[in-house]
Protein backbone atom coordinates (compact mmCIF):
# COMPACT_ATOMS: atom_id res chain seq x y z
CA MET A 1 1.99 55.62 -43.53
CA LYS A 2 -2.06 56.06 -43.52
CA ALA A 3 -4.28 53.78 -45.10
CA LEU A 4 -8.00 54.10 -45.36
CA ILE A 5 -10.47 50.47 -46.95
CA ALA A 6 -13.87 51.88 -48.42
CA LEU A 7 -16.29 49.81 -49.32
CA GLU A 8 -18.98 49.73 -51.76
CA ASP A 9 -21.29 50.01 -49.33
CA GLY A 10 -19.85 53.13 -47.96
CA ASN A 11 -18.35 51.62 -44.97
CA ILE A 12 -14.62 52.71 -44.62
CA PHE A 13 -11.87 51.54 -41.85
CA GLU A 14 -8.86 53.54 -41.15
CA GLY A 15 -5.90 50.88 -41.23
CA GLU A 16 -1.50 52.14 -41.73
CA SER A 17 0.39 50.44 -44.78
CA PHE A 18 3.58 48.55 -43.93
CA THR A 19 4.74 48.31 -47.47
CA GLY A 20 4.54 51.52 -48.10
CA SER A 21 2.28 54.05 -50.93
CA GLY A 22 -0.39 52.74 -53.32
CA GLU A 23 -3.68 52.40 -54.36
CA ILE A 24 -6.07 48.41 -55.22
CA SER A 25 -9.16 47.25 -55.15
CA GLY A 26 -10.51 43.90 -55.80
CA GLU A 27 -13.38 42.14 -53.83
CA ILE A 28 -12.70 41.86 -49.88
CA VAL A 29 -12.98 38.26 -48.43
CA PHE A 30 -11.79 36.83 -45.45
CA ASN A 31 -9.57 33.88 -44.49
CA THR A 32 -10.34 32.27 -41.28
CA SER A 33 -6.60 30.30 -41.51
CA MET A 34 -3.80 30.89 -38.37
CA THR A 35 -1.26 29.72 -40.35
CA GLY A 36 -0.34 29.84 -44.00
CA TYR A 37 -0.33 32.93 -44.90
CA GLN A 38 2.38 32.54 -47.16
CA GLU A 39 0.81 29.92 -49.33
CA ILE A 40 -2.95 32.08 -49.20
CA LEU A 41 -0.87 34.98 -50.77
CA THR A 42 0.67 32.78 -53.58
CA ASP A 43 -2.66 31.13 -54.43
CA PRO A 44 -4.23 32.16 -57.73
CA SER A 45 -7.52 31.35 -57.01
CA TYR A 46 -7.30 35.08 -54.66
CA LYS A 47 -6.97 36.81 -58.19
CA GLY A 48 -8.89 39.74 -58.07
CA GLN A 49 -9.64 39.68 -54.28
CA ILE A 50 -7.97 41.79 -50.84
CA VAL A 51 -7.41 39.45 -48.65
CA THR A 52 -8.67 40.25 -44.74
CA MET A 53 -6.77 37.85 -42.20
CA THR A 54 -8.76 36.76 -39.65
CA TYR A 55 -6.12 35.40 -37.45
CA PRO A 56 -4.52 38.76 -35.32
CA LEU A 57 -1.44 37.81 -35.85
CA ILE A 58 0.83 38.09 -38.97
CA GLY A 59 4.36 37.76 -40.04
CA ASN A 60 5.68 35.89 -36.94
CA TYR A 61 7.59 33.24 -39.08
CA GLY A 62 8.22 34.98 -42.42
CA ILE A 63 8.53 33.84 -45.75
CA ASN A 64 10.70 30.95 -47.14
CA GLN A 65 11.30 28.99 -50.81
CA GLU A 66 9.40 25.76 -50.26
CA ASP A 67 5.58 27.19 -49.41
CA MET A 68 5.05 28.79 -52.20
CA GLU A 69 2.06 28.04 -54.84
CA SER A 70 2.89 30.00 -57.58
CA ARG A 71 5.84 31.88 -59.09
CA ARG A 72 4.64 35.24 -57.35
CA VAL A 73 1.96 36.48 -54.70
CA GLN A 74 -1.09 37.13 -56.47
CA VAL A 75 -3.79 38.28 -54.14
CA GLU A 76 -4.46 41.96 -55.06
CA GLY A 77 -4.49 43.06 -51.39
CA PHE A 78 -3.44 41.84 -47.25
CA ILE A 79 -5.28 43.19 -44.51
CA VAL A 80 -4.38 41.97 -41.22
CA HIS A 81 -5.11 43.58 -37.48
CA GLU A 82 -0.97 42.99 -36.10
CA TYR A 83 1.69 42.86 -38.46
CA GLN A 84 5.21 41.48 -36.81
CA PRO A 85 7.94 42.48 -38.53
CA PHE A 86 10.60 40.37 -36.25
CA TYR A 87 10.12 36.99 -37.63
CA SER A 88 11.70 33.95 -36.75
CA ASN A 89 11.87 30.45 -38.36
CA TRP A 90 14.95 28.09 -39.36
CA ARG A 91 13.53 28.52 -43.28
CA ALA A 92 12.84 31.91 -43.46
CA ASN A 93 15.13 34.20 -45.18
CA LYS A 94 12.90 37.28 -45.60
CA SER A 95 9.82 38.89 -43.73
CA LEU A 96 6.42 39.50 -45.13
CA ALA A 97 6.82 42.70 -45.98
CA GLN A 98 9.34 42.69 -47.94
CA PHE A 99 7.94 39.62 -50.03
CA LEU A 100 5.33 41.80 -50.16
CA MET A 101 7.13 45.03 -51.66
CA GLU A 102 8.93 42.86 -53.70
CA ASN A 103 5.86 41.62 -55.83
CA MET A 104 4.51 45.12 -55.34
CA VAL A 105 1.17 44.24 -53.34
CA LEU A 106 -0.13 46.72 -50.76
CA GLY A 107 -0.06 45.29 -46.96
CA ILE A 108 -2.66 46.58 -44.03
CA GLU A 109 -2.15 46.58 -40.68
CA GLY A 110 -3.69 48.42 -37.26
CA VAL A 111 -7.12 47.67 -39.02
CA ASP A 112 -10.65 45.92 -36.57
CA THR A 113 -10.01 42.70 -38.09
CA ARG A 114 -13.37 41.30 -36.68
CA ALA A 115 -15.19 45.00 -37.51
CA LEU A 116 -14.05 43.84 -41.12
CA THR A 117 -14.87 40.46 -41.37
CA ARG A 118 -18.30 40.56 -38.95
CA HIS A 119 -19.82 43.44 -41.64
CA LEU A 120 -18.57 40.96 -44.84
CA ARG A 121 -20.15 38.01 -42.78
CA LEU A 122 -23.68 39.68 -42.71
CA GLU A 123 -23.64 41.31 -46.10
CA GLY A 124 -21.38 39.29 -47.81
CA ALA A 125 -18.17 39.69 -50.05
CA MET A 126 -17.93 43.26 -51.30
CA LYS A 127 -15.70 45.48 -54.14
CA GLY A 128 -13.09 47.42 -51.52
CA VAL A 129 -10.29 50.23 -52.58
CA ILE A 130 -7.71 50.41 -50.34
CA SER A 131 -5.39 53.76 -50.69
CA THR A 132 -2.56 54.99 -49.11
CA LEU A 133 -2.79 57.97 -52.07
CA ASP A 134 -6.46 59.35 -51.62
CA LEU A 135 -7.75 59.96 -48.39
CA ASN A 136 -10.85 60.80 -49.28
CA PRO A 137 -14.18 58.42 -47.74
CA ALA A 138 -16.51 59.77 -50.72
CA SER A 139 -14.10 59.35 -53.34
CA LEU A 140 -12.28 55.82 -52.58
CA VAL A 141 -16.35 54.58 -51.99
CA LYS A 142 -16.98 55.86 -55.40
CA LYS A 143 -13.79 54.10 -57.11
CA ALA A 144 -15.11 51.11 -54.57
CA ILE A 145 -18.73 50.92 -56.28
CA ASN A 146 -16.48 51.22 -60.57
CA VAL A 147 -14.83 48.24 -59.58
CA PRO A 148 -15.44 45.13 -61.95
CA SER A 149 -17.57 42.68 -60.43
CA LEU A 150 -15.70 38.85 -60.26
CA VAL A 151 -19.06 37.65 -61.55
CA GLY A 152 -19.18 36.72 -65.12
CA ARG A 153 -15.20 37.70 -65.24
CA ASP A 154 -12.69 35.71 -67.01
CA LEU A 155 -9.36 35.69 -64.59
CA VAL A 156 -8.16 32.37 -65.20
CA ARG A 157 -6.46 33.87 -68.94
CA GLU A 158 -4.65 35.74 -66.02
CA VAL A 159 -3.17 33.16 -64.05
CA THR A 160 -2.86 30.26 -66.14
CA TRP A 161 0.94 29.25 -67.70
CA PRO A 162 1.42 30.21 -71.71
CA LYS A 163 3.21 27.05 -72.50
CA PRO A 164 3.10 24.08 -71.52
CA TYR A 165 5.42 22.13 -68.72
CA TYR A 166 6.51 18.86 -67.14
CA TRP A 167 6.06 18.96 -63.64
CA LYS A 168 9.31 17.45 -61.79
CA GLY A 169 9.32 18.50 -58.41
CA GLY A 170 9.04 22.14 -60.21
CA LEU A 171 7.82 23.57 -63.66
CA VAL A 172 10.48 21.73 -66.11
CA GLU A 173 9.33 22.98 -69.88
CA LYS A 174 11.82 20.21 -71.91
CA PRO A 175 12.95 17.32 -69.36
CA VAL A 176 16.00 15.43 -70.93
CA THR A 177 13.96 12.43 -69.33
CA ILE A 178 10.65 11.62 -67.93
CA GLU A 179 11.22 9.06 -64.90
CA GLU A 180 8.71 6.58 -65.97
CA LYS A 181 5.69 5.90 -63.32
CA PRO A 182 2.70 4.25 -63.15
CA TYR A 183 0.31 6.98 -65.01
CA ARG A 184 0.26 10.32 -66.90
CA VAL A 185 -1.99 12.95 -66.33
CA VAL A 186 -2.47 15.95 -67.88
CA ALA A 187 -3.74 18.71 -65.17
CA LEU A 188 -5.43 22.23 -67.52
CA ASP A 189 -4.19 24.68 -65.19
CA LEU A 190 -6.74 27.44 -64.26
CA GLY A 191 -4.13 28.44 -61.97
CA VAL A 192 -2.97 24.80 -60.11
CA LYS A 193 -1.55 25.21 -56.96
CA PHE A 194 2.13 23.72 -56.93
CA ASN A 195 1.27 21.53 -54.04
CA ILE A 196 -1.33 19.52 -56.04
CA LEU A 197 0.91 18.66 -58.67
CA ARG A 198 3.63 17.46 -55.86
CA GLN A 199 0.29 15.70 -54.96
CA LEU A 200 -0.39 14.45 -59.12
CA GLU A 201 3.92 13.03 -58.70
CA LYS A 202 3.77 10.71 -56.31
CA LYS A 203 2.68 8.79 -58.69
CA CYS A 204 2.07 10.02 -62.08
CA SER A 205 4.00 11.96 -64.96
CA VAL A 206 1.63 15.48 -64.75
CA LEU A 207 2.22 17.37 -68.25
CA VAL A 208 1.09 20.78 -67.45
CA LEU A 209 -1.61 22.55 -70.35
CA PRO A 210 -2.65 26.17 -70.59
CA ALA A 211 -6.26 26.91 -69.85
CA HIS A 212 -6.97 27.65 -73.38
CA THR A 213 -6.24 23.67 -74.93
CA GLY A 214 -8.65 22.15 -76.68
CA ALA A 215 -9.77 18.70 -76.48
CA ALA A 216 -9.44 17.18 -79.47
CA LYS A 217 -5.10 18.28 -78.04
CA ILE A 218 -5.45 17.02 -74.84
CA LEU A 219 -6.90 13.72 -76.21
CA SER A 220 -4.26 13.31 -79.07
CA LEU A 221 -1.43 13.13 -75.68
CA ASN A 222 -3.50 9.65 -75.13
CA PRO A 223 -3.01 10.39 -70.62
CA ASP A 224 -3.96 8.05 -68.66
CA GLY A 225 -6.17 11.18 -65.98
CA ILE A 226 -7.43 14.35 -66.57
CA PHE A 227 -7.03 16.65 -63.47
CA LEU A 228 -8.54 20.05 -63.67
CA SER A 229 -7.07 22.72 -61.58
CA ASN A 230 -8.18 25.15 -58.72
CA GLY A 231 -8.81 28.95 -60.25
CA PRO A 232 -10.15 32.54 -59.62
CA GLY A 233 -13.43 33.67 -60.46
CA ASP A 234 -16.72 32.33 -61.59
CA PRO A 235 -16.83 29.19 -63.55
CA ALA A 236 -19.29 30.50 -66.22
CA GLY A 237 -16.79 33.29 -67.14
CA VAL A 238 -14.64 31.03 -68.57
CA GLY A 239 -16.86 28.80 -71.18
CA TYR A 240 -14.54 27.97 -73.27
CA VAL A 241 -12.73 25.83 -70.50
CA VAL A 242 -16.56 23.81 -69.98
CA GLU A 243 -17.01 23.68 -73.66
CA THR A 244 -13.07 21.49 -73.02
CA VAL A 245 -13.88 19.06 -70.83
CA ARG A 246 -17.54 18.98 -71.92
CA ARG A 247 -15.52 16.21 -75.14
CA LEU A 248 -13.28 15.14 -72.74
CA ILE A 249 -16.19 13.55 -70.46
CA GLY A 250 -16.60 9.70 -71.00
CA GLN A 251 -13.03 9.90 -72.49
CA LYS A 252 -10.81 9.33 -70.09
CA PRO A 253 -11.22 9.79 -65.86
CA ILE A 254 -11.26 12.61 -64.79
CA PHE A 255 -10.64 14.69 -61.25
CA GLY A 256 -11.32 18.59 -60.79
CA ILE A 257 -10.42 20.51 -57.56
CA CYS A 258 -12.52 23.60 -56.55
CA LEU A 259 -12.86 25.68 -60.17
CA GLY A 260 -12.09 22.48 -61.87
CA HIS A 261 -15.59 21.04 -59.75
CA GLN A 262 -16.80 23.79 -60.69
CA ILE A 263 -16.29 23.05 -63.82
CA LEU A 264 -17.31 19.80 -64.04
CA GLY A 265 -20.65 20.72 -62.83
CA LEU A 266 -21.31 23.07 -65.50
CA ALA A 267 -20.14 20.71 -68.15
CA LEU A 268 -22.46 18.01 -66.97
CA GLY A 269 -25.77 19.89 -67.13
CA GLY A 270 -25.44 21.83 -63.42
CA LYS A 271 -25.34 25.77 -63.00
CA THR A 272 -23.15 27.58 -60.18
CA PHE A 273 -23.56 30.61 -57.91
CA LYS A 274 -22.30 32.58 -55.92
CA LEU A 275 -21.79 32.70 -52.08
CA LYS A 276 -23.13 35.64 -50.03
CA PHE A 277 -19.14 35.48 -48.58
CA GLY A 278 -17.44 32.46 -49.46
CA HIS A 279 -15.14 29.17 -48.14
CA ARG A 280 -12.03 30.28 -47.26
CA GLY A 281 -9.90 28.77 -44.26
CA ALA A 282 -7.56 25.47 -43.16
CA ASN A 283 -11.03 24.37 -40.85
CA GLN A 284 -14.18 23.68 -42.79
CA PRO A 285 -15.83 20.60 -41.91
CA VAL A 286 -17.01 18.92 -44.57
CA LYS A 287 -19.14 15.29 -44.41
CA ASN A 288 -18.10 12.72 -46.19
CA LEU A 289 -21.34 10.92 -47.54
CA LEU A 290 -20.04 7.84 -48.77
CA SER A 291 -18.40 6.73 -45.49
CA GLY A 292 -20.12 8.74 -42.96
CA ARG A 293 -16.98 10.34 -41.70
CA VAL A 294 -16.60 14.61 -41.17
CA GLU A 295 -13.35 16.06 -42.80
CA ILE A 296 -11.86 19.25 -41.15
CA THR A 297 -10.66 20.74 -44.94
CA ALA A 298 -8.71 23.87 -46.63
CA GLN A 299 -11.09 25.74 -48.69
CA ASN A 300 -10.82 28.70 -51.28
CA HIS A 301 -13.70 29.86 -53.17
CA GLY A 302 -16.78 32.22 -53.72
CA PHE A 303 -18.79 29.77 -56.19
CA CYS A 304 -20.73 26.35 -55.97
CA VAL A 305 -22.52 24.02 -57.63
CA ASP A 306 -25.56 23.95 -57.62
CA LEU A 307 -27.16 20.21 -56.90
CA ASP A 308 -31.03 20.66 -57.75
CA SER A 309 -29.41 21.81 -61.24
CA LEU A 310 -27.48 18.50 -61.53
CA ASP A 311 -29.56 15.59 -63.28
CA GLN A 312 -28.94 13.09 -59.81
CA ASP A 313 -29.99 9.67 -61.47
CA GLU A 314 -27.07 10.33 -63.25
CA ILE A 315 -24.98 12.74 -60.24
CA GLU A 316 -24.14 11.29 -56.76
CA LEU A 317 -23.62 14.37 -53.97
CA THR A 318 -20.19 12.70 -52.26
CA HIS A 319 -19.66 15.60 -49.30
CA LEU A 320 -21.69 18.56 -47.87
CA ASN A 321 -20.61 21.18 -46.10
CA LEU A 322 -21.71 21.10 -42.74
CA ASN A 323 -21.87 25.16 -42.25
CA ASP A 324 -24.10 25.66 -44.90
CA ASN A 325 -25.10 22.61 -46.34
CA THR A 326 -23.29 23.37 -49.34
CA CYS A 327 -22.36 20.49 -52.47
CA GLU A 328 -18.17 20.22 -51.70
CA GLY A 329 -18.49 16.83 -53.87
CA ILE A 330 -19.95 14.97 -56.60
CA ARG A 331 -19.10 11.71 -58.70
CA HIS A 332 -20.98 10.75 -62.02
CA ARG A 333 -22.63 6.90 -61.24
CA GLN A 334 -21.56 5.61 -63.97
CA LEU A 335 -18.63 7.28 -65.67
CA PRO A 336 -14.95 7.32 -63.97
CA ILE A 337 -15.51 11.49 -63.10
CA PHE A 338 -15.86 12.94 -59.77
CA GLY A 339 -14.62 16.19 -58.26
CA VAL A 340 -14.00 18.18 -54.86
CA GLN A 341 -14.88 21.86 -54.16
CA TYR A 342 -12.30 22.20 -51.42
CA HIS A 343 -7.99 21.27 -51.61
CA PRO A 344 -7.40 17.92 -50.22
CA GLU A 345 -2.99 18.69 -51.25
CA ASN A 346 -3.07 19.74 -47.03
CA SER A 347 -1.20 22.86 -47.80
CA PRO A 348 -2.26 24.90 -45.87
CA GLY A 349 -4.65 23.00 -43.47
CA PRO A 350 -5.25 19.35 -42.10
CA HIS A 351 -4.45 16.21 -44.18
CA ASP A 352 -8.21 14.68 -43.86
CA ALA A 353 -9.15 14.42 -47.74
CA SER A 354 -5.83 13.11 -49.23
CA TYR A 355 -7.52 9.64 -50.35
CA LEU A 356 -8.97 11.27 -52.87
CA PHE A 357 -5.74 12.02 -54.44
CA ASP A 358 -5.44 7.91 -54.54
CA GLN A 359 -8.67 7.00 -55.64
CA PHE A 360 -7.89 9.03 -58.77
CA PHE A 361 -4.73 6.77 -58.79
CA GLU A 362 -7.24 3.91 -58.35
CA LEU A 363 -9.77 5.54 -61.36
CA MET A 364 -7.13 5.29 -64.04
CA LYS A 365 -5.22 2.10 -63.13
CA LYS A 366 -9.14 0.58 -63.26
CA HIS A 367 -9.29 2.41 -67.04
CA LYS A 368 -6.10 0.96 -68.27
CA ASN A 369 -6.73 -2.40 -66.83
CA ARG A 370 -10.21 -2.22 -69.01
CA SER A 371 -8.05 -0.38 -72.35
C-alpha cells in the first residue's frame, strides 16, 4: 500500500505501509540505535513524534512481553528502510507489524531513510504527515505545515498515569504488603519508563504519582527521595511541574532524568532551548567531568538545559555531550540534587551510566543519617 511522507518544508518521501491504511502527523525525528526498537516504540518520551530508524533492517527479532517501557506504543508513526516480517527470537510472541496494528500505529517501509535522516540533520527535526489515504503532495505539505509544534505544548498530561500506584515488579495499585527496603522513593510520572522503576526497585519501595501531584502531597508522604522521570515535549510547557519541583528543592534528595533533568534546570532558575535535531540513540558519547571518563549513553531528547542561564556558583556542570558540547548533567553544589539528560537505565543501550542510581541511593542514605 503506497504511502507518502510530507515534511513542512515541502519535501516528499515515498514508501509503503506494512500496517494497513491511515494518516498520522507529528514531529519527524531519527534514532541511531541498531537494536531496541520495541523499547523505542514504547518510550513515552516519543509522544507527538514520528520515529525514523537509521539502521536499515528492522523487525527481525519480533516483539516480546518483557521489553515494554510503558503500557502501549507511544510513537505517532514508525519509518524504516526495510521491514522484516519473519522474526526469530526465543522470547518473541508476535511480529512488529502485529504489534503496531494492535496499537493502531502506522508503520512505513521502503523509505530512503539515509536521505530522510540527512535532510533532518541539515535542516533540523520538522513537522510531517504520513498518509496512505491522501497521496496528493501539495495537500499533505499543507497538512504538515498545520501540525501543532512541540514547543510550549503539554504532552506530559497525555502520558502520565492518572492514579498513584506502587511498583513491585510491575504496576500494583494496592499491594497487600509493601516489602521493606532501605529507601522509600516517590517517582513523579512525567512519562516514566518501566526500566527506570526496575532500577529504583532494587533498593527502594517506589510509589509513582501523577505529574499534577503538588509539593505538599509529596512531602506529606515523607519519602527518602524524590525522582523526576523522563517524558515528552517541551519542559516549558509543564509549568505546574516546574512550580512543584521548585517547592521541593531543599526538602529531600532529588534525582531527575531527561525531562526530569530539564525540569530541575527550570526550577533552579535556568532556561531550556530546543535542539536542532535532538539526541536519539544508544551510542551518544558523554564526558563525566567529575571522573574524566567518557560514557557511551542512550538518549532521547529534543530540548536541553542552557547552562549559561544557571547560577554557576550554585549549579555545577557534571556531564558534557561530546558531539555538540551541550549540557548532559548538573548538580547543586550544596543541596542533594542532581540530574542527567541521558538515560542510565540501560534499556536499550549500554550500562556505562548505571552508577547514577547508586549515587541517588547514597544521597538518600546520607540525608537519612542527618535527619
